[in-house]
Amino acid sequence: MENSDIPSLSSQLLTLRTEHRMLDVEIMRLQEFSYIDQLQLQRLKRQKLRLKQNIERIKALLIPDLDA
């Protein structure tokens, strides 16, 4: 990985983390109502999980390889 890729990955990471937090807030807001749209809730949770997986993937790319 080149050094020029790091700012791009860092900005992607920041964007994904922001989206993840926004989904968390939206999920909590949906759960406050007595009538919960289960399908919408399930979709949001799935989307949140995909974001988390992408966050972890980018974090792994940002960790420098250590020669053993």
N, C-alpha and C. Protein backbone atom coordinates (compact mmCIF):
# COMPACT_ATOMS: atom_id res chain seq x y z
N MET A 1 0.85 -1.17 0.00
CA MET A 1 0.00 0.00 0.00
C MET A 1 0.89 1.23 0.00
N GLU A 2 0.55 2.22 -0.82
CA GLU A 2 1.32 3.44 -0.91
C GLU A 2 0.86 4.42 0.16
N ASN A 3 1.76 5.35 0.50
CA ASN A 3 1.41 6.36 1.49
C ASN A 3 0.27 7.26 1.03
N SER A 4 0.14 7.44 -0.29
CA SER A 4 -0.94 8.28 -0.80
C SER A 4 -2.32 7.66 -0.58
N ASP A 5 -2.36 6.35 -0.35
CA ASP A 5 -3.63 5.66 -0.10
C ASP A 5 -4.15 5.91 1.31
N ILE A 6 -3.26 6.21 2.23
CA ILE A 6 -3.63 6.33 3.65
C ILE A 6 -4.64 7.45 3.89
N PRO A 7 -4.44 8.67 3.36
CA PRO A 7 -5.48 9.70 3.59
C PRO A 7 -6.83 9.30 3.01
N SER A 8 -6.81 8.66 1.86
CA SER A 8 -8.06 8.23 1.25
C SER A 8 -8.76 7.20 2.13
N LEU A 9 -8.01 6.23 2.62
CA LEU A 9 -8.59 5.21 3.51
C LEU A 9 -9.06 5.83 4.82
N SER A 10 -8.29 6.78 5.33
CA SER A 10 -8.68 7.44 6.58
C SER A 10 -9.98 8.21 6.41
N SER A 11 -10.13 8.89 5.28
CA SER A 11 -11.37 9.63 5.06
C SER A 11 -12.55 8.67 4.86
N GLN A 12 -12.30 7.55 4.19
CA GLN A 12 -13.36 6.54 4.03
C GLN A 12 -13.77 5.99 5.40
N LEU A 13 -12.76 5.75 6.24
CA LEU A 13 -13.03 5.23 7.58
C LEU A 13 -13.88 6.22 8.38
N LEU A 14 -13.55 7.48 8.31
CA LEU A 14 -14.31 8.51 9.01
C LEU A 14 -15.76 8.56 8.50
N THR A 15 -15.93 8.48 7.20
CA THR A 15 -17.26 8.50 6.60
C THR A 15 -18.07 7.29 7.05
N LEU A 16 -17.47 6.12 7.01
CA LEU A 16 -18.17 4.90 7.42
C LEU A 16 -18.55 4.94 8.88
N ARG A 17 -17.65 5.43 9.72
CA ARG A 17 -17.95 5.53 11.16
C ARG A 17 -19.12 6.49 11.41
N THR A 18 -19.14 7.59 10.67
CA THR A 18 -20.24 8.55 10.81
C THR A 18 -21.56 7.92 10.40
N GLU A 19 -21.56 7.22 9.27
CA GLU A 19 -22.78 6.54 8.81
C GLU A 19 -23.22 5.48 9.82
N HIS A 20 -22.26 4.78 10.40
CA HIS A 20 -22.56 3.74 11.39
C HIS A 20 -23.25 4.35 12.60
N ARG A 21 -22.74 5.48 13.08
CA ARG A 21 -23.35 6.16 14.23
C ARG A 21 -24.75 6.68 13.89
N MET A 22 -24.91 7.19 12.68
CA MET A 22 -26.23 7.68 12.27
C MET A 22 -27.25 6.55 12.21
N LEU A 23 -26.83 5.39 11.72
CA LEU A 23 -27.73 4.23 11.69
C LEU A 23 -28.08 3.78 13.11
N ASP A 24 -27.12 3.84 14.00
CA ASP A 24 -27.36 3.47 15.39
C ASP A 24 -28.44 4.37 15.99
N VAL A 25 -28.35 5.64 15.73
CA VAL A 25 -29.36 6.59 16.23
C VAL A 25 -30.72 6.29 15.60
N GLU A 26 -30.74 6.03 14.31
CA GLU A 26 -32.00 5.73 13.61
C GLU A 26 -32.63 4.45 14.16
N ILE A 27 -31.82 3.45 14.42
CA ILE A 27 -32.33 2.18 14.97
C ILE A 27 -32.93 2.42 16.36
N MET A 28 -32.22 3.18 17.19
CA MET A 28 -32.75 3.47 18.53
C MET A 28 -34.05 4.26 18.45
N ARG A 29 -34.13 5.19 17.49
CA ARG A 29 -35.35 5.98 17.32
C ARG A 29 -36.53 5.09 16.92
N LEU A 30 -36.28 4.16 16.01
CA LEU A 30 -37.34 3.24 15.58
C LEU A 30 -37.82 2.35 16.72
N GLN A 31 -36.90 1.95 17.58
CA GLN A 31 -37.26 1.05 18.67
C GLN A 31 -38.05 1.74 19.78
N GLU A 32 -38.08 3.06 19.78
CA GLU A 32 -38.82 3.79 20.81
C GLU A 32 -40.33 3.73 20.61
N PHE A 33 -40.76 3.47 19.38
CA PHE A 33 -42.19 3.46 19.09
C PHE A 33 -42.80 2.11 19.47
N SER A 34 -44.07 2.17 19.86
CA SER A 34 -44.76 0.93 20.22
C SER A 34 -44.96 0.05 18.98
N TYR A 35 -45.18 0.71 17.84
CA TYR A 35 -45.29 -0.03 16.58
C TYR A 35 -43.95 0.09 15.88
N ILE A 36 -43.27 -1.03 15.72
CA ILE A 36 -41.95 -1.04 15.09
C ILE A 36 -42.07 -1.70 13.73
N ASP A 37 -41.57 -1.01 12.73
CA ASP A 37 -41.51 -1.59 11.39
C ASP A 37 -40.35 -2.58 11.38
N GLN A 38 -40.67 -3.86 11.61
CA GLN A 38 -39.64 -4.88 11.75
C GLN A 38 -38.78 -5.03 10.50
N LEU A 39 -39.40 -4.90 9.35
CA LEU A 39 -38.66 -5.03 8.10
C LEU A 39 -37.64 -3.90 7.96
N GLN A 40 -38.07 -2.68 8.23
CA GLN A 40 -37.16 -1.54 8.16
C GLN A 40 -36.05 -1.68 9.19
N LEU A 41 -36.40 -2.10 10.39
CA LEU A 41 -35.42 -2.29 11.45
C LEU A 41 -34.38 -3.34 11.05
N GLN A 42 -34.84 -4.42 10.47
CA GLN A 42 -33.94 -5.49 10.02
C GLN A 42 -32.99 -4.99 8.92
N ARG A 43 -33.52 -4.21 8.01
CA ARG A 43 -32.69 -3.65 6.92
C ARG A 43 -31.63 -2.72 7.48
N LEU A 44 -32.01 -1.87 8.42
CA LEU A 44 -31.04 -0.95 9.02
C LEU A 44 -29.95 -1.69 9.78
N LYS A 45 -30.34 -2.74 10.50
CA LYS A 45 -29.35 -3.52 11.24
C LYS A 45 -28.38 -4.23 10.29
N ARG A 46 -28.92 -4.73 9.18
CA ARG A 46 -28.06 -5.38 8.18
C ARG A 46 -27.09 -4.38 7.56
N GLN A 47 -27.60 -3.21 7.27
CA GLN A 47 -26.75 -2.16 6.69
C GLN A 47 -25.67 -1.74 7.69
N LYS A 48 -26.05 -1.65 8.95
CA LYS A 48 -25.09 -1.29 10.00
C LYS A 48 -24.00 -2.35 10.12
N LEU A 49 -24.37 -3.61 10.01
CA LEU A 49 -23.39 -4.69 10.07
C LEU A 49 -22.42 -4.62 8.89
N ARG A 50 -22.95 -4.35 7.68
CA ARG A 50 -22.07 -4.21 6.51
C ARG A 50 -21.09 -3.05 6.70
N LEU A 51 -21.57 -1.95 7.26
CA LEU A 51 -20.69 -0.82 7.53
C LEU A 51 -19.59 -1.20 8.52
N LYS A 52 -19.98 -1.92 9.55
CA LYS A 52 -18.99 -2.34 10.55
C LYS A 52 -17.94 -3.24 9.92
N GLN A 53 -18.36 -4.16 9.06
CA GLN A 53 -17.41 -5.03 8.38
C GLN A 53 -16.46 -4.22 7.50
N ASN A 54 -16.97 -3.23 6.81
CA ASN A 54 -16.12 -2.38 5.98
C ASN A 54 -15.16 -1.55 6.85
N ILE A 55 -15.63 -1.09 7.98
CA ILE A 55 -14.77 -0.34 8.91
C ILE A 55 -13.62 -1.22 9.36
N GLU A 56 -13.92 -2.44 9.74
CA GLU A 56 -12.86 -3.36 10.20
C GLU A 56 -11.88 -3.68 9.08
N ARG A 57 -12.38 -3.81 7.85
CA ARG A 57 -11.51 -4.10 6.71
C ARG A 57 -10.54 -2.95 6.47
N ILE A 58 -11.05 -1.73 6.51
CA ILE A 58 -10.20 -0.56 6.29
C ILE A 58 -9.21 -0.39 7.43
N LYS A 59 -9.65 -0.63 8.66
CA LYS A 59 -8.74 -0.54 9.79
C LYS A 59 -7.59 -1.53 9.63
N ALA A 60 -7.89 -2.72 9.14
CA ALA A 60 -6.84 -3.73 8.93
C ALA A 60 -5.87 -3.27 7.84
N LEU A 61 -6.37 -2.58 6.82
CA LEU A 61 -5.50 -2.08 5.77
C LEU A 61 -4.59 -0.96 6.26
N LEU A 62 -5.04 -0.21 7.25
CA LEU A 62 -4.25 0.90 7.76
C LEU A 62 -3.15 0.46 8.71
N ILE A 63 -3.26 -0.75 9.25
CA ILE A 63 -2.23 -1.26 10.15
C ILE A 63 -1.05 -1.70 9.31
N PRO A 64 0.13 -1.15 9.58
CA PRO A 64 1.28 -1.53 8.77
C PRO A 64 1.67 -2.99 9.01
N ASP A 65 2.14 -3.64 7.94
CA ASP A 65 2.61 -5.02 8.05
C ASP A 65 3.92 -5.03 8.82
N LEU A 66 4.03 -5.95 9.75
CA LEU A 66 5.26 -6.10 10.51
C LEU A 66 6.01 -7.31 10.00
N ASP A 67 7.25 -7.09 9.63
CA ASP A 67 8.07 -8.21 9.19
C ASP A 67 8.53 -8.99 10.41
N ALA A 68 8.25 -10.27 10.42
CA ALA A 68 8.61 -11.10 11.57
C ALA A 68 10.01 -11.63 11.43
